[in-house]
């Protein structure tokens, strides 16, 4: 397999992997909030949002293929 084809496959994998992480951050943010840890929930929510932003960049890269 050519390296560039492998990169395309990796980018697809990273996007899916990041989606899973983003969802997990949101689940834990809800748990933190339920335990009166809005400070932790806020950080986890930000992590989720940043992960989604990273996925937008990966989507841009993927479109270049």
PDB file of N, CA and C in Angstrom:
ATOM      1  N   UNK A   1       0.845  -1.179   0.000  1.00  0.00           N
ATOM      2  CA  UNK A   1       0.000   0.000   0.000  1.00  0.00           C
ATOM      3  C   UNK A   1       0.892   1.244   0.000  1.00  0.00           C
ATOM      4  N   UNK A   2       0.544   2.190  -0.835  1.00  0.00           N
ATOM      5  CA  UNK A   2       1.275   3.444  -0.867  1.00  0.00           C
ATOM      6  C   UNK A   2       1.075   4.204   0.436  1.00  0.00           C
ATOM      7  N   UNK A   3       2.087   4.977   0.800  1.00  0.00           N
ATOM      8  CA  UNK A   3       1.982   5.748   2.050  1.00  0.00           C
ATOM      9  C   UNK A   3       0.817   6.726   2.009  1.00  0.00           C
ATOM     10  N   UNK A   4       0.588   7.351   0.865  1.00  0.00           N
ATOM     11  CA  UNK A   4      -0.489   8.339   0.787  1.00  0.00           C
ATOM     12  C   UNK A   4      -1.858   7.676   0.956  1.00  0.00           C
ATOM     13  N   UNK A   5      -2.016   6.463   0.465  1.00  0.00           N
ATOM     14  CA  UNK A   5      -3.262   5.719   0.668  1.00  0.00           C
ATOM     15  C   UNK A   5      -3.403   5.331   2.136  1.00  0.00           C
ATOM     16  N   UNK A   6      -2.304   4.964   2.730  1.00  0.00           N
ATOM     17  CA  UNK A   6      -2.346   4.633   4.159  1.00  0.00           C
ATOM     18  C   UNK A   6      -2.743   5.857   4.979  1.00  0.00           C
ATOM     19  N   UNK A   7      -2.235   7.024   4.589  1.00  0.00           N
ATOM     20  CA  UNK A   7      -2.595   8.259   5.282  1.00  0.00           C
ATOM     21  C   UNK A   7      -4.092   8.525   5.179  1.00  0.00           C
ATOM     22  N   UNK A   8      -4.677   8.313   4.009  1.00  0.00           N
ATOM     23  CA  UNK A   8      -6.119   8.499   3.840  1.00  0.00           C
ATOM     24  C   UNK A   8      -6.893   7.595   4.799  1.00  0.00           C
ATOM     25  N   UNK A   9      -6.463   6.372   4.893  1.00  0.00           N
ATOM     26  CA  UNK A   9      -7.111   5.413   5.796  1.00  0.00           C
ATOM     27  C   UNK A   9      -6.929   5.833   7.253  1.00  0.00           C
ATOM     28  N   UNK A  10      -5.740   6.292   7.593  1.00  0.00           N
ATOM     29  CA  UNK A  10      -5.488   6.760   8.961  1.00  0.00           C
ATOM     30  C   UNK A  10      -6.353   7.951   9.316  1.00  0.00           C
ATOM     31  N   UNK A  11      -6.487   8.892   8.385  1.00  0.00           N
ATOM     32  CA  UNK A  11      -7.313  10.071   8.660  1.00  0.00           C
ATOM     33  C   UNK A  11      -8.755   9.646   8.927  1.00  0.00           C
ATOM     34  N   UNK A  12      -9.276   8.720   8.138  1.00  0.00           N
ATOM     35  CA  UNK A  12     -10.637   8.213   8.376  1.00  0.00           C
ATOM     36  C   UNK A  12     -10.740   7.586   9.768  1.00  0.00           C
ATOM     37  N   UNK A  13      -9.725   6.819  10.126  1.00  0.00           N
ATOM     38  CA  UNK A  13      -9.699   6.182  11.445  1.00  0.00           C
ATOM     39  C   UNK A  13      -9.665   7.233  12.553  1.00  0.00           C
ATOM     40  N   UNK A  14      -8.820   8.240  12.380  1.00  0.00           N
ATOM     41  CA  UNK A  14      -8.707   9.287  13.403  1.00  0.00           C
ATOM     42  C   UNK A  14     -10.026  10.017  13.598  1.00  0.00           C
ATOM     43  N   UNK A  15     -10.735  10.271  12.508  1.00  0.00           N
ATOM     44  CA  UNK A  15     -12.035  10.952  12.607  1.00  0.00           C
ATOM     45  C   UNK A  15     -13.000  10.121  13.451  1.00  0.00           C
ATOM     46  N   UNK A  16     -13.096   8.847  13.149  1.00  0.00           N
ATOM     47  CA  UNK A  16     -14.001   7.978  13.905  1.00  0.00           C
ATOM     48  C   UNK A  16     -13.571   7.872  15.366  1.00  0.00           C
ATOM     49  N   UNK A  17     -12.296   7.723  15.581  1.00  0.00           N
ATOM     50  CA  UNK A  17     -11.760   7.609  16.943  1.00  0.00           C
ATOM     51  C   UNK A  17     -12.054   8.890  17.730  1.00  0.00           C
ATOM     52  N   UNK A  18     -11.865  10.042  17.095  1.00  0.00           N
ATOM     53  CA  UNK A  18     -12.138  11.314  17.765  1.00  0.00           C
ATOM     54  C   UNK A  18     -13.616  11.467  18.107  1.00  0.00           C
ATOM     55  N   UNK A  19     -14.498  10.989  17.224  1.00  0.00           N
ATOM     56  CA  UNK A  19     -15.935  11.057  17.520  1.00  0.00           C
ATOM     57  C   UNK A  19     -16.256  10.279  18.793  1.00  0.00           C
ATOM     58  N   UNK A  20     -15.646   9.115  18.925  1.00  0.00           N
ATOM     59  CA  UNK A  20     -15.857   8.311  20.135  1.00  0.00           C
ATOM     60  C   UNK A  20     -15.360   9.052  21.373  1.00  0.00           C
ATOM     61  N   UNK A  21     -14.188   9.654  21.264  1.00  0.00           N
ATOM     62  CA  UNK A  21     -13.658  10.418  22.399  1.00  0.00           C
ATOM     63  C   UNK A  21     -14.561  11.594  22.744  1.00  0.00           C
ATOM     64  N   UNK A  22     -15.012  12.307  21.742  1.00  0.00           N
ATOM     65  CA  UNK A  22     -15.877  13.463  21.979  1.00  0.00           C
ATOM     66  C   UNK A  22     -17.138  13.056  22.723  1.00  0.00           C
ATOM     67  N   UNK A  23     -17.746  11.962  22.300  1.00  0.00           N
ATOM     68  CA  UNK A  23     -18.949  11.469  22.973  1.00  0.00           C
ATOM     69  C   UNK A  23     -18.650  11.056  24.408  1.00  0.00           C
ATOM     70  N   UNK A  24     -17.506  10.447  24.609  1.00  0.00           N
ATOM     71  CA  UNK A  24     -17.121  10.017  25.962  1.00  0.00           C
ATOM     72  C   UNK A  24     -16.903  11.227  26.877  1.00  0.00           C
ATOM     73  N   UNK A  25     -16.269  12.266  26.343  1.00  0.00           N
ATOM     74  CA  UNK A  25     -16.084  13.499  27.135  1.00  0.00           C
ATOM     75  C   UNK A  25     -17.433  14.055  27.563  1.00  0.00           C
ATOM     76  N   UNK A  26     -18.404  14.040  26.647  1.00  0.00           N
ATOM     77  CA  UNK A  26     -19.732  14.568  26.972  1.00  0.00           C
ATOM     78  C   UNK A  26     -20.420  13.721  28.046  1.00  0.00           C
ATOM     79  N   UNK A  27     -20.284  12.401  27.931  1.00  0.00           N
ATOM     80  CA  UNK A  27     -20.874  11.533  28.965  1.00  0.00           C
ATOM     81  C   UNK A  27     -20.281  11.840  30.343  1.00  0.00           C
ATOM     82  N   UNK A  28     -18.964  11.993  30.384  1.00  0.00           N
ATOM     83  CA  UNK A  28     -18.324  12.265  31.663  1.00  0.00           C
ATOM     84  C   UNK A  28     -18.619  13.677  32.146  1.00  0.00           C
ATOM     85  N   UNK A  29     -18.820  14.592  31.241  1.00  0.00           N
ATOM     86  CA  UNK A  29     -19.207  15.950  31.641  1.00  0.00           C
ATOM     87  C   UNK A  29     -20.549  15.920  32.358  1.00  0.00           C
ATOM     88  N   UNK A  30     -21.479  15.127  31.854  1.00  0.00           N
ATOM     89  CA  UNK A  30     -22.785  14.997  32.505  1.00  0.00           C
ATOM     90  C   UNK A  30     -22.640  14.391  33.897  1.00  0.00           C
ATOM     91  N   UNK A  31     -21.776  13.398  34.023  1.00  0.00           N
ATOM     92  CA  UNK A  31     -21.556  12.776  35.336  1.00  0.00           C
ATOM     93  C   UNK A  31     -20.921  13.771  36.304  1.00  0.00           C
ATOM     94  N   UNK A  32     -19.970  14.540  35.806  1.00  0.00           N
ATOM     95  CA  UNK A  32     -19.326  15.548  36.661  1.00  0.00           C
ATOM     96  C   UNK A  32     -20.360  16.587  37.110  1.00  0.00           C
ATOM     97  N   UNK A  33     -21.186  17.025  36.174  1.00  0.00           N
ATOM     98  CA  UNK A  33     -22.228  18.000  36.488  1.00  0.00           C
ATOM     99  C   UNK A  33     -23.196  17.440  37.527  1.00  0.00           C
ATOM    100  N   UNK A  34     -23.568  16.174  37.387  1.00  0.00           N
ATOM    101  CA  UNK A  34     -24.486  15.534  38.338  1.00  0.00           C
ATOM    102  C   UNK A  34     -23.877  15.437  39.732  1.00  0.00           C
ATOM    103  N   UNK A  35     -22.554  15.494  39.789  1.00  0.00           N
ATOM    104  CA  UNK A  35     -21.854  15.438  41.075  1.00  0.00           C
ATOM    105  C   UNK A  35     -21.363  16.816  41.512  1.00  0.00           C
ATOM    106  N   UNK A  36     -22.056  17.837  41.022  1.00  0.00           N
ATOM    107  CA  UNK A  36     -21.767  19.230  41.398  1.00  0.00           C
ATOM    108  C   UNK A  36     -20.328  19.650  41.079  1.00  0.00           C
ATOM    109  N   UNK A  37     -19.782  19.105  40.000  1.00  0.00           N
ATOM    110  CA  UNK A  37     -18.440  19.498  39.553  1.00  0.00           C
ATOM    111  C   UNK A  37     -18.534  20.180  38.193  1.00  0.00           C
ATOM    112  N   UNK A  38     -19.199  21.331  38.223  1.00  0.00           N
ATOM    113  CA  UNK A  38     -19.383  22.093  36.983  1.00  0.00           C
ATOM    114  C   UNK A  38     -18.046  22.539  36.399  1.00  0.00           C
ATOM    115  N   UNK A  39     -17.043  22.699  37.257  1.00  0.00           N
ATOM    116  CA  UNK A  39     -15.721  23.079  36.772  1.00  0.00           C
ATOM    117  C   UNK A  39     -15.146  21.988  35.871  1.00  0.00           C
ATOM    118  N   UNK A  40     -15.235  20.753  36.313  1.00  0.00           N
ATOM    119  CA  UNK A  40     -14.765  19.628  35.505  1.00  0.00           C
ATOM    120  C   UNK A  40     -15.644  19.440  34.264  1.00  0.00           C
ATOM    121  N   UNK A  41     -16.947  19.599  34.446  1.00  0.00           N
ATOM    122  CA  UNK A  41     -17.870  19.453  33.318  1.00  0.00           C
ATOM    123  C   UNK A  41     -17.546  20.467  32.222  1.00  0.00           C
ATOM    124  N   UNK A  42     -17.230  21.686  32.625  1.00  0.00           N
ATOM    125  CA  UNK A  42     -16.914  22.725  31.648  1.00  0.00           C
ATOM    126  C   UNK A  42     -15.669  22.360  30.835  1.00  0.00           C
ATOM    127  N   UNK A  43     -14.669  21.839  31.500  1.00  0.00           N
ATOM    128  CA  UNK A  43     -13.441  21.441  30.796  1.00  0.00           C
ATOM    129  C   UNK A  43     -13.723  20.278  29.847  1.00  0.00           C
ATOM    130  N   UNK A  44     -14.480  19.309  30.305  1.00  0.00           N
ATOM    131  CA  UNK A  44     -14.811  18.169  29.454  1.00  0.00           C
ATOM    132  C   UNK A  44     -15.646  18.596  28.247  1.00  0.00           C
ATOM    133  N   UNK A  45     -16.548  19.543  28.456  1.00  0.00           N
ATOM    134  CA  UNK A  45     -17.325  20.075  27.335  1.00  0.00           C
ATOM    135  C   UNK A  45     -16.420  20.791  26.340  1.00  0.00           C
ATOM    136  N   UNK A  46     -15.454  21.531  26.849  1.00  0.00           N
ATOM    137  CA  UNK A  46     -14.496  22.203  25.960  1.00  0.00           C
ATOM    138  C   UNK A  46     -13.655  21.192  25.199  1.00  0.00           C
ATOM    139  N   UNK A  47     -13.244  20.125  25.875  1.00  0.00           N
ATOM    140  CA  UNK A  47     -12.485  19.067  25.201  1.00  0.00           C
ATOM    141  C   UNK A  47     -13.299  18.462  24.061  1.00  0.00           C
ATOM    142  N   UNK A  48     -14.559  18.237  24.308  1.00  0.00           N
ATOM    143  CA  UNK A  48     -15.427  17.686  23.271  1.00  0.00           C
ATOM    144  C   UNK A  48     -15.498  18.637  22.075  1.00  0.00           C
ATOM    145  N   UNK A  49     -15.690  19.907  22.349  1.00  0.00           N
ATOM    146  CA  UNK A  49     -15.781  20.901  21.276  1.00  0.00           C
ATOM    147  C   UNK A  49     -14.473  20.993  20.497  1.00  0.00           C
ATOM    148  N   UNK A  50     -13.353  20.983  21.194  1.00  0.00           N
ATOM    149  CA  UNK A  50     -12.053  21.048  20.519  1.00  0.00           C
ATOM    150  C   UNK A  50     -11.805  19.809  19.672  1.00  0.00           C
ATOM    151  N   UNK A  51     -12.245  18.678  20.153  1.00  0.00           N
ATOM    152  CA  UNK A  51     -12.101  17.438  19.395  1.00  0.00           C
ATOM    153  C   UNK A  51     -12.914  17.527  18.108  1.00  0.00           C
ATOM    154  N   UNK A  52     -14.105  18.092  18.192  1.00  0.00           N
ATOM    155  CA  UNK A  52     -14.928  18.268  16.998  1.00  0.00           C
ATOM    156  C   UNK A  52     -14.266  19.246  16.028  1.00  0.00           C
ATOM    157  N   UNK A  53     -13.657  20.284  16.553  1.00  0.00           N
ATOM    158  CA  UNK A  53     -12.926  21.232  15.681  1.00  0.00           C
ATOM    159  C   UNK A  53     -11.770  20.528  14.979  1.00  0.00           C
ATOM    160  N   UNK A  54     -11.082  19.677  15.711  1.00  0.00           N
ATOM    161  CA  UNK A  54      -9.989  18.912  15.114  1.00  0.00           C
ATOM    162  C   UNK A  54     -10.534  18.022  13.996  1.00  0.00           C
ATOM    163  N   UNK A  55     -11.700  17.454  14.207  1.00  0.00           N
ATOM    164  CA  UNK A  55     -12.297  16.611  13.174  1.00  0.00           C
ATOM    165  C   UNK A  55     -12.640  17.408  11.921  1.00  0.00           C
ATOM    166  N   UNK A  56     -13.014  18.672  12.077  1.00  0.00           N
ATOM    167  CA  UNK A  56     -13.274  19.499  10.905  1.00  0.00           C
ATOM    168  C   UNK A  56     -12.003  19.645  10.068  1.00  0.00           C
ATOM    169  N   UNK A  57     -10.868  19.818  10.739  1.00  0.00           N
ATOM    170  CA  UNK A  57      -9.597  19.903  10.021  1.00  0.00           C
ATOM    171  C   UNK A  57      -9.268  18.582   9.341  1.00  0.00           C
ATOM    172  N   UNK A  58      -9.509  17.486  10.030  1.00  0.00           N
ATOM    173  CA  UNK A  58      -9.272  16.180   9.423  1.00  0.00           C
ATOM    174  C   UNK A  58     -10.192  15.950   8.229  1.00  0.00           C
ATOM    175  N   UNK A  59     -11.433  16.413   8.324  1.00  0.00           N
ATOM    176  CA  UNK A  59     -12.355  16.324   7.188  1.00  0.00           C
ATOM    177  C   UNK A  59     -11.818  17.111   5.994  1.00  0.00           C
ATOM    178  N   UNK A  60     -11.273  18.298   6.265  1.00  0.00           N
ATOM    179  CA  UNK A  60     -10.672  19.098   5.197  1.00  0.00           C
ATOM    180  C   UNK A  60      -9.533  18.330   4.543  1.00  0.00           C
ATOM    181  N   UNK A  61      -8.697  17.715   5.355  1.00  0.00           N
ATOM    182  CA  UNK A  61      -7.579  16.932   4.823  1.00  0.00           C
ATOM    183  C   UNK A  61      -8.096  15.778   3.983  1.00  0.00           C
ATOM    184  N   UNK A  62      -9.121  15.109   4.454  1.00  0.00           N
ATOM    185  CA  UNK A  62      -9.678  13.967   3.746  1.00  0.00           C
ATOM    186  C   UNK A  62     -10.239  14.369   2.378  1.00  0.00           C
ATOM    187  N   UNK A  63     -10.832  15.559   2.325  1.00  0.00           N
ATOM    188  CA  UNK A  63     -11.377  16.033   1.045  1.00  0.00           C
ATOM    189  C   UNK A  63     -10.285  16.266   0.003  1.00  0.00           C
ATOM    190  N   UNK A  64      -9.053  16.423   0.427  1.00  0.00           N
ATOM    191  CA  UNK A  64      -7.948  16.614  -0.505  1.00  0.00           C
ATOM    192  C   UNK A  64      -7.575  15.344  -1.257  1.00  0.00           C
ATOM    193  N   UNK A  65      -8.085  14.221  -0.798  1.00  0.00           N
ATOM    194  CA  UNK A  65      -7.826  12.970  -1.484  1.00  0.00           C
ATOM    195  C   UNK A  65      -8.816  12.822  -2.611  1.00  0.00           C
TER     196      UNK A  65
END
